[in-house]
C-alpha atoms as a PDB file:
ATOM      1  CA  UNK A   1      -1.392   1.706  58.267  1.00  0.00           C
ATOM      2  CA  UNK A   2       0.118   4.415  56.107  1.00  0.00           C
ATOM      3  CA  UNK A   3       2.341   6.707  58.115  1.00  0.00           C
ATOM      4  CA  UNK A   4       2.257  10.323  57.024  1.00  0.00           C
ATOM      5  CA  UNK A   5       5.359  12.334  57.381  1.00  0.00           C
ATOM      6  CA  UNK A   6       8.554  13.290  55.667  1.00  0.00           C
ATOM      7  CA  UNK A   7       9.126  11.055  52.651  1.00  0.00           C
ATOM      8  CA  UNK A   8      12.271   8.953  52.567  1.00  0.00           C
ATOM      9  CA  UNK A   9      14.629   9.223  49.589  1.00  0.00           C
ATOM     10  CA  UNK A  10      17.487   6.902  48.812  1.00  0.00           C
ATOM     11  CA  UNK A  11      19.407   9.880  47.408  1.00  0.00           C
ATOM     12  CA  UNK A  12      20.774  12.822  49.320  1.00  0.00           C
ATOM     13  CA  UNK A  13      19.612  16.328  48.415  1.00  0.00           C
ATOM     14  CA  UNK A  14      22.760  17.138  46.387  1.00  0.00           C
ATOM     15  CA  UNK A  15      22.513  13.800  44.545  1.00  0.00           C
ATOM     16  CA  UNK A  16      18.837  14.387  43.788  1.00  0.00           C
ATOM     17  CA  UNK A  17      19.533  17.901  42.515  1.00  0.00           C
ATOM     18  CA  UNK A  18      22.309  16.548  40.330  1.00  0.00           C
ATOM     19  CA  UNK A  19      20.023  13.834  38.911  1.00  0.00           C
ATOM     20  CA  UNK A  20      17.265  16.384  38.158  1.00  0.00           C
ATOM     21  CA  UNK A  21      19.760  18.688  36.498  1.00  0.00           C
ATOM     22  CA  UNK A  22      21.103  15.828  34.364  1.00  0.00           C
ATOM     23  CA  UNK A  23      17.563  14.871  33.326  1.00  0.00           C
ATOM     24  CA  UNK A  24      16.777  18.475  32.402  1.00  0.00           C
ATOM     25  CA  UNK A  25      19.956  18.728  30.348  1.00  0.00           C
ATOM     26  CA  UNK A  26      19.124  15.495  28.532  1.00  0.00           C
ATOM     27  CA  UNK A  27      15.590  16.743  27.826  1.00  0.00           C
ATOM     28  CA  UNK A  28      16.905  20.085  26.539  1.00  0.00           C
ATOM     29  CA  UNK A  29      19.543  18.392  24.407  1.00  0.00           C
ATOM     30  CA  UNK A  30      16.956  16.128  22.801  1.00  0.00           C
ATOM     31  CA  UNK A  31      15.164  19.194  21.445  1.00  0.00           C
ATOM     32  CA  UNK A  32      18.179  21.393  20.851  1.00  0.00           C
ATOM     33  CA  UNK A  33      18.372  20.513  17.177  1.00  0.00           C
ATOM     34  CA  UNK A  34      14.733  21.195  16.360  1.00  0.00           C
ATOM     35  CA  UNK A  35      15.192  24.943  15.762  1.00  0.00           C
ATOM     36  CA  UNK A  36      17.865  23.966  13.241  1.00  0.00           C
ATOM     37  CA  UNK A  37      15.314  21.758  11.473  1.00  0.00           C
ATOM     38  CA  UNK A  38      12.147  23.869  11.498  1.00  0.00           C
ATOM     39  CA  UNK A  39      13.632  27.086  10.158  1.00  0.00           C
ATOM     40  CA  UNK A  40      13.470  26.865   6.376  1.00  0.00           C
ATOM     41  CA  UNK A  41      11.473  29.048   3.993  1.00  0.00           C
ATOM     42  CA  UNK A  42       7.796  28.334   3.452  1.00  0.00           C
ATOM     43  CA  UNK A  43       6.771  25.907   0.714  1.00  0.00           C
ATOM     44  CA  UNK A  44       3.783  27.064  -1.345  1.00  0.00           C
ATOM     45  CA  UNK A  45       1.897  24.393  -3.278  1.00  0.00           C
ATOM     46  CA  UNK A  46       2.016  26.025  -6.717  1.00  0.00           C
ATOM     47  CA  UNK A  47      -0.043  23.224  -8.289  1.00  0.00           C
ATOM     48  CA  UNK A  48      -3.184  24.516  -6.608  1.00  0.00           C
ATOM     49  CA  UNK A  49      -3.365  27.493  -8.954  1.00  0.00           C
ATOM     50  CA  UNK A  50      -4.004  25.170 -11.904  1.00  0.00           C
ATOM     51  CA  UNK A  51      -7.400  23.764 -12.838  1.00  0.00           C
ATOM     52  CA  UNK A  52      -7.740  21.013 -13.873  1.00  0.00           C
ATOM     53  CA  UNK A  53      -4.651  19.078 -12.708  1.00  0.00           C
ATOM     54  CA  UNK A  54      -3.398  15.754 -13.993  1.00  0.00           C
ATOM     55  CA  UNK A  55      -0.954  14.110 -11.633  1.00  0.00           C
ATOM     56  CA  UNK A  56       1.107  15.931  -9.032  1.00  0.00           C
ATOM     57  CA  UNK A  57       4.635  17.217  -8.443  1.00  0.00           C
ATOM     58  CA  UNK A  58       5.653  14.799  -5.693  1.00  0.00           C
ATOM     59  CA  UNK A  59       7.552  11.512  -5.512  1.00  0.00           C
ATOM     60  CA  UNK A  60       5.183   8.529  -5.187  1.00  0.00           C
ATOM     61  CA  UNK A  61       2.157  10.264  -3.605  1.00  0.00           C
ATOM     62  CA  UNK A  62       1.034  13.824  -2.846  1.00  0.00           C
ATOM     63  CA  UNK A  63       0.373  12.924   0.799  1.00  0.00           C
ATOM     64  CA  UNK A  64       3.142  13.412   3.354  1.00  0.00           C
ATOM     65  CA  UNK A  65       5.121  10.257   4.086  1.00  0.00           C
ATOM     66  CA  UNK A  66       7.219   9.074   6.994  1.00  0.00           C
ATOM     67  CA  UNK A  67      10.900   9.758   6.630  1.00  0.00           C
ATOM     68  CA  UNK A  68      14.145  11.007   8.104  1.00  0.00           C
ATOM     69  CA  UNK A  69      16.800  13.564   7.204  1.00  0.00           C
ATOM     70  CA  UNK A  70      20.435  14.329   7.912  1.00  0.00           C
ATOM     71  CA  UNK A  71      20.257  18.100   8.079  1.00  0.00           C
ATOM     72  CA  UNK A  72      22.604  20.739   9.452  1.00  0.00           C
ATOM     73  CA  UNK A  73      24.953  17.953  10.531  1.00  0.00           C
ATOM     74  CA  UNK A  74      22.289  16.195  12.612  1.00  0.00           C
ATOM     75  CA  UNK A  75      20.010  13.210  12.088  1.00  0.00           C
ATOM     76  CA  UNK A  76      16.255  13.667  12.556  1.00  0.00           C
ATOM     77  CA  UNK A  77      13.742  10.829  12.393  1.00  0.00           C
ATOM     78  CA  UNK A  78       9.979  10.292  12.590  1.00  0.00           C
ATOM     79  CA  UNK A  79       9.233  13.184  10.252  1.00  0.00           C
ATOM     80  CA  UNK A  80       6.459  13.811   7.759  1.00  0.00           C
ATOM     81  CA  UNK A  81       8.026  14.653   4.393  1.00  0.00           C
ATOM     82  CA  UNK A  82       7.260  15.069   0.719  1.00  0.00           C
ATOM     83  CA  UNK A  83       9.687  15.344  -2.177  1.00  0.00           C
ATOM     84  CA  UNK A  84       8.814  17.795  -4.959  1.00  0.00           C
ATOM     85  CA  UNK A  85      10.633  16.238  -7.925  1.00  0.00           C
ATOM     86  CA  UNK A  86       9.798  19.135 -10.257  1.00  0.00           C
ATOM     87  CA  UNK A  87      11.710  21.614  -8.092  1.00  0.00           C
ATOM     88  CA  UNK A  88      14.026  19.012  -6.470  1.00  0.00           C
ATOM     89  CA  UNK A  89      12.933  20.212  -3.025  1.00  0.00           C
ATOM     90  CA  UNK A  90      12.230  18.313   0.181  1.00  0.00           C
ATOM     91  CA  UNK A  91       9.130  19.548   1.999  1.00  0.00           C
ATOM     92  CA  UNK A  92       8.672  19.215   5.757  1.00  0.00           C
ATOM     93  CA  UNK A  93       5.427  19.260   7.750  1.00  0.00           C
ATOM     94  CA  UNK A  94       5.536  21.120  11.062  1.00  0.00           C
ATOM     95  CA  UNK A  95       3.935  19.355  14.037  1.00  0.00           C
ATOM     96  CA  UNK A  96       2.486  22.596  15.432  1.00  0.00           C
ATOM     97  CA  UNK A  97       1.630  24.538  12.267  1.00  0.00           C
ATOM     98  CA  UNK A  98      -0.199  23.958   8.970  1.00  0.00           C
ATOM     99  CA  UNK A  99       2.633  25.715   7.122  1.00  0.00           C
ATOM    100  CA  UNK A 100       5.019  23.598   5.067  1.00  0.00           C
ATOM    101  CA  UNK A 101       8.744  24.259   5.017  1.00  0.00           C
ATOM    102  CA  UNK A 102      11.372  23.798   2.299  1.00  0.00           C
ATOM    103  CA  UNK A 103      14.579  22.273   3.591  1.00  0.00           C
ATOM    104  CA  UNK A 104      17.646  24.099   2.297  1.00  0.00           C
ATOM    105  CA  UNK A 105      19.340  21.695  -0.175  1.00  0.00           C
ATOM    106  CA  UNK A 106      22.905  22.689   0.754  1.00  0.00           C
ATOM    107  CA  UNK A 107      22.229  21.680   4.365  1.00  0.00           C
ATOM    108  CA  UNK A 108      20.525  18.376   3.499  1.00  0.00           C
ATOM    109  CA  UNK A 109      23.031  15.547   3.016  1.00  0.00           C
ATOM    110  CA  UNK A 110      20.572  12.677   2.673  1.00  0.00           C
ATOM    111  CA  UNK A 111      16.985  11.726   3.461  1.00  0.00           C
ATOM    112  CA  UNK A 112      14.711   8.716   3.477  1.00  0.00           C
ATOM    113  CA  UNK A 113      11.121   8.678   2.320  1.00  0.00           C
ATOM    114  CA  UNK A 114       8.907   5.626   2.757  1.00  0.00           C
ATOM    115  CA  UNK A 115      11.966   3.303   2.717  1.00  0.00           C
ATOM    116  CA  UNK A 116      13.497   5.034  -0.316  1.00  0.00           C
ATOM    117  CA  UNK A 117      16.940   6.506   0.320  1.00  0.00           C
ATOM    118  CA  UNK A 118      18.166   9.688  -1.345  1.00  0.00           C
ATOM    119  CA  UNK A 119      21.490  11.497  -1.158  1.00  0.00           C
ATOM    120  CA  UNK A 120      22.637  14.835  -2.479  1.00  0.00           C
ATOM    121  CA  UNK A 121      25.327  14.711  -5.138  1.00  0.00           C
ATOM    122  CA  UNK A 122      27.390  17.780  -5.964  1.00  0.00           C
ATOM    123  CA  UNK A 123      28.648  17.784  -9.543  1.00  0.00           C
ATOM    124  CA  UNK A 124      32.250  18.810 -10.126  1.00  0.00           C
ATOM    125  CA  UNK A 125      34.079  19.700 -13.340  1.00  0.00           C
ATOM    126  CA  UNK A 126      34.457  16.026 -14.262  1.00  0.00           C
ATOM    127  CA  UNK A 127      30.992  14.697 -13.369  1.00  0.00           C
ATOM    128  CA  UNK A 128      28.989  17.734 -14.542  1.00  0.00           C
ATOM    129  CA  UNK A 129      28.914  16.328 -18.077  1.00  0.00           C
ATOM    130  CA  UNK A 130      26.790  13.451 -16.794  1.00  0.00           C
ATOM    131  CA  UNK A 131      25.005  14.484 -13.594  1.00  0.00           C
ATOM    132  CA  UNK A 132      23.714  17.708 -12.116  1.00  0.00           C
ATOM    133  CA  UNK A 133      23.865  18.725  -8.475  1.00  0.00           C
ATOM    134  CA  UNK A 134      20.745  17.451  -6.754  1.00  0.00           C
ATOM    135  CA  UNK A 135      19.082  14.562  -4.942  1.00  0.00           C
ATOM    136  CA  UNK A 136      19.384  11.013  -6.302  1.00  0.00           C
ATOM    137  CA  UNK A 137      17.740   7.828  -5.099  1.00  0.00           C
ATOM    138  CA  UNK A 138      20.338   5.198  -4.209  1.00  0.00           C
ATOM    139  CA  UNK A 139      19.147   1.871  -5.645  1.00  0.00           C
ATOM    140  CA  UNK A 140      22.417  -0.063  -5.238  1.00  0.00           C
ATOM    141  CA  UNK A 141      25.209   1.094  -2.953  1.00  0.00           C
ATOM    142  CA  UNK A 142      28.200  -1.189  -3.400  1.00  0.00           C
ATOM    143  CA  UNK A 143      31.406  -1.228  -5.458  1.00  0.00           C
ATOM    144  CA  UNK A 144      29.095   0.013  -8.215  1.00  0.00           C
ATOM    145  CA  UNK A 145      26.259   2.400  -7.423  1.00  0.00           C
ATOM    146  CA  UNK A 146      22.951   2.596  -9.251  1.00  0.00           C
ATOM    147  CA  UNK A 147      21.271   5.984  -8.898  1.00  0.00           C
ATOM    148  CA  UNK A 148      17.921   7.283 -10.090  1.00  0.00           C
ATOM    149  CA  UNK A 149      17.149  10.962 -10.655  1.00  0.00           C
ATOM    150  CA  UNK A 150      13.448  11.272  -9.933  1.00  0.00           C
ATOM    151  CA  UNK A 151      11.936  14.121 -11.914  1.00  0.00           C
ATOM    152  CA  UNK A 152       8.710  15.314 -13.520  1.00  0.00           C
ATOM    153  CA  UNK A 153       7.973  17.776 -16.266  1.00  0.00           C
ATOM    154  CA  UNK A 154       5.261  20.379 -15.737  1.00  0.00           C
ATOM    155  CA  UNK A 155       3.200  21.016 -18.884  1.00  0.00           C
ATOM    156  CA  UNK A 156       0.676  23.841 -19.006  1.00  0.00           C
ATOM    157  CA  UNK A 157      -2.184  24.305 -21.443  1.00  0.00           C
ATOM    158  CA  UNK A 158      -4.946  26.864 -21.634  1.00  0.00           C
ATOM    159  CA  UNK A 159      -8.435  25.584 -20.892  1.00  0.00           C
ATOM    160  CA  UNK A 160     -10.459  28.787 -21.012  1.00  0.00           C
ATOM    161  CA  UNK A 161     -10.800  30.473 -18.595  1.00  0.00           C
ATOM    162  CA  UNK A 162      -8.263  28.408 -16.639  1.00  0.00           C
ATOM    163  CA  UNK A 163      -4.798  26.990 -17.111  1.00  0.00           C
ATOM    164  CA  UNK A 164      -4.539  23.208 -16.857  1.00  0.00           C
ATOM    165  CA  UNK A 165      -1.409  21.322 -15.874  1.00  0.00           C
ATOM    166  CA  UNK A 166      -0.086  17.816 -16.371  1.00  0.00           C
ATOM    167  CA  UNK A 167       2.850  16.302 -14.490  1.00  0.00           C
ATOM    168  CA  UNK A 168       4.817  13.710 -16.471  1.00  0.00           C
ATOM    169  CA  UNK A 169       7.565  11.532 -14.985  1.00  0.00           C
ATOM    170  CA  UNK A 170      11.012  11.962 -16.579  1.00  0.00           C
ATOM    171  CA  UNK A 171      13.146   9.728 -14.369  1.00  0.00           C
ATOM    172  CA  UNK A 172      16.752   9.065 -15.401  1.00  0.00           C
ATOM    173  CA  UNK A 173      19.159   6.306 -14.420  1.00  0.00           C
ATOM    174  CA  UNK A 174      22.878   6.585 -13.645  1.00  0.00           C
ATOM    175  CA  UNK A 175      25.695   4.370 -12.456  1.00  0.00           C
ATOM    176  CA  UNK A 176      28.869   5.226 -10.606  1.00  0.00           C
ATOM    177  CA  UNK A 177      31.959   3.041 -10.903  1.00  0.00           C
ATOM    178  CA  UNK A 178      35.536   3.898 -10.041  1.00  0.00           C
ATOM    179  CA  UNK A 179      34.615   7.468  -9.174  1.00  0.00           C
ATOM    180  CA  UNK A 180      33.049   8.171 -12.591  1.00  0.00           C
ATOM    181  CA  UNK A 181      29.364   8.594 -13.435  1.00  0.00           C
ATOM    182  CA  UNK A 182      27.602   7.108 -16.449  1.00  0.00           C
ATOM    183  CA  UNK A 183      24.141   7.745 -17.901  1.00  0.00           C
ATOM    184  CA  UNK A 184      22.223   4.493 -18.383  1.00  0.00           C
ATOM    185  CA  UNK A 185      19.623   4.540 -21.137  1.00  0.00           C
ATOM    186  CA  UNK A 186      19.707   0.857 -22.084  1.00  0.00           C
ATOM    187  CA  UNK A 187      20.968  -2.431 -20.688  1.00  0.00           C
ATOM    188  CA  UNK A 188      24.020  -2.425 -22.952  1.00  0.00           C
ATOM    189  CA  UNK A 189      25.285   0.768 -21.224  1.00  0.00           C
ATOM    190  CA  UNK A 190      25.505  -1.124 -17.944  1.00  0.00           C
ATOM    191  CA  UNK A 191      27.024  -4.264 -19.450  1.00  0.00           C
ATOM    192  CA  UNK A 192      29.951  -2.227 -20.779  1.00  0.00           C
ATOM    193  CA  UNK A 193      30.818  -1.373 -17.185  1.00  0.00           C
ATOM    194  CA  UNK A 194      30.803  -5.072 -16.338  1.00  0.00           C
ATOM    195  CA  UNK A 195      33.199  -6.042 -19.146  1.00  0.00           C
ATOM    196  CA  UNK A 196      35.836  -7.285 -16.691  1.00  0.00           C
ATOM    197  CA  UNK A 197      33.378 -10.027 -15.644  1.00  0.00           C
ATOM    198  CA  UNK A 198      31.820 -10.538 -19.072  1.00  0.00           C
ATOM    199  CA  UNK A 199      31.870 -14.355 -18.962  1.00  0.00           C
ATOM    200  CA  UNK A 200      30.101 -14.521 -15.600  1.00  0.00           C
ATOM    201  CA  UNK A 201      27.618 -11.823 -16.570  1.00  0.00           C
ATOM    202  CA  UNK A 202      26.673 -13.480 -19.854  1.00  0.00           C
ATOM    203  CA  UNK A 203      26.101 -16.773 -18.054  1.00  0.00           C
ATOM    204  CA  UNK A 204      23.883 -15.043 -15.497  1.00  0.00           C
ATOM    205  CA  UNK A 205      21.893 -13.334 -18.255  1.00  0.00           C
ATOM    206  CA  UNK A 206      21.346 -16.602 -20.114  1.00  0.00           C
ATOM    207  CA  UNK A 207      20.193 -18.349 -16.951  1.00  0.00           C
ATOM    208  CA  UNK A 208      17.770 -15.536 -16.086  1.00  0.00           C
ATOM    209  CA  UNK A 209      16.859 -14.359 -19.581  1.00  0.00           C
ATOM    210  CA  UNK A 210      13.100 -14.700 -19.260  1.00  0.00           C
ATOM    211  CA  UNK A 211      12.971 -12.959 -15.890  1.00  0.00           C
ATOM    212  CA  UNK A 212      15.257 -10.108 -16.914  1.00  0.00           C
ATOM    213  CA  UNK A 213      13.400  -9.497 -20.181  1.00  0.00           C
ATOM    214  CA  UNK A 214      10.122  -9.030 -18.292  1.00  0.00           C
ATOM    215  CA  UNK A 215      11.561  -6.452 -15.911  1.00  0.00           C
ATOM    216  CA  UNK A 216      11.558  -2.695 -16.536  1.00  0.00           C
ATOM    217  CA  UNK A 217      14.988  -1.273 -17.340  1.00  0.00           C
ATOM    218  CA  UNK A 218      15.546   0.068 -13.826  1.00  0.00           C
ATOM    219  CA  UNK A 219      14.768  -3.231 -12.108  1.00  0.00           C
ATOM    220  CA  UNK A 220      16.888  -5.257 -14.538  1.00  0.00           C
ATOM    221  CA  UNK A 221      19.867  -2.904 -14.059  1.00  0.00           C
ATOM    222  CA  UNK A 222      19.534  -3.270 -10.300  1.00  0.00           C
ATOM    223  CA  UNK A 223      19.561  -7.077 -10.551  1.00  0.00           C
ATOM    224  CA  UNK A 224      22.538  -7.136 -12.918  1.00  0.00           C
ATOM    225  CA  UNK A 225      24.498  -4.737 -10.731  1.00  0.00           C
ATOM    226  CA  UNK A 226      23.821  -6.662  -7.547  1.00  0.00           C
ATOM    227  CA  UNK A 227      25.026  -9.851  -9.194  1.00  0.00           C
ATOM    228  CA  UNK A 228      28.144  -8.156 -10.563  1.00  0.00           C
ATOM    229  CA  UNK A 229      28.972  -6.741  -7.119  1.00  0.00           C
ATOM    230  CA  UNK A 230      28.579 -10.201  -5.573  1.00  0.00           C
ATOM    231  CA  UNK A 231      31.322 -11.627  -7.810  1.00  0.00           C
ATOM    232  CA  UNK A 232      34.920 -11.811  -6.503  1.00  0.00           C
ATOM    233  CA  UNK A 233      36.662  -8.613  -7.535  1.00  0.00           C
END
């Protein structure tokens, strides 16, 4: 038989109050950073004013993708993001509003988007001849870095009575070695950076010639760099 009466607690009243207070503090802390995340300016999809449209302004797909950010000195995961590579802006979906937000670039150190990792580089007087301040995808992150600047060019043309638009990819490839940045337009640009291991690199290229020749430039540079970084330095 169930006895009705005063419930029994293993904790005293002060202990219970302390536990509830700790739980409330933990709950509050878990959401404390959200106002720092959802406070950017609104993002307006400028592509919608064009008709017809060929392509889109985003990285990979126009739909929002799962990702994470390190923003305002805090890490946030399980977000819905898009990356406008025309404007070099990261766009955030709000869970309680249809409005889209633009994350402030100066507060965004790095972000991930569908397993692609991006970081913000700030050009100084030395590197500004090669790179510009902005977000770069990190393809190899070792003693030598391979970085891709994802970008698209917006081209307008008049189709009476409308204005049509076409988005064309203009990605660029860079490498960083010894604190210096280098633009990579062909395989020979990368091989110059590997001159200290020329014998090993040439042997690797000969052994994998058919595979490397079939790869796009970006993929072949990634493979060469990974092999170079695996060699004893």
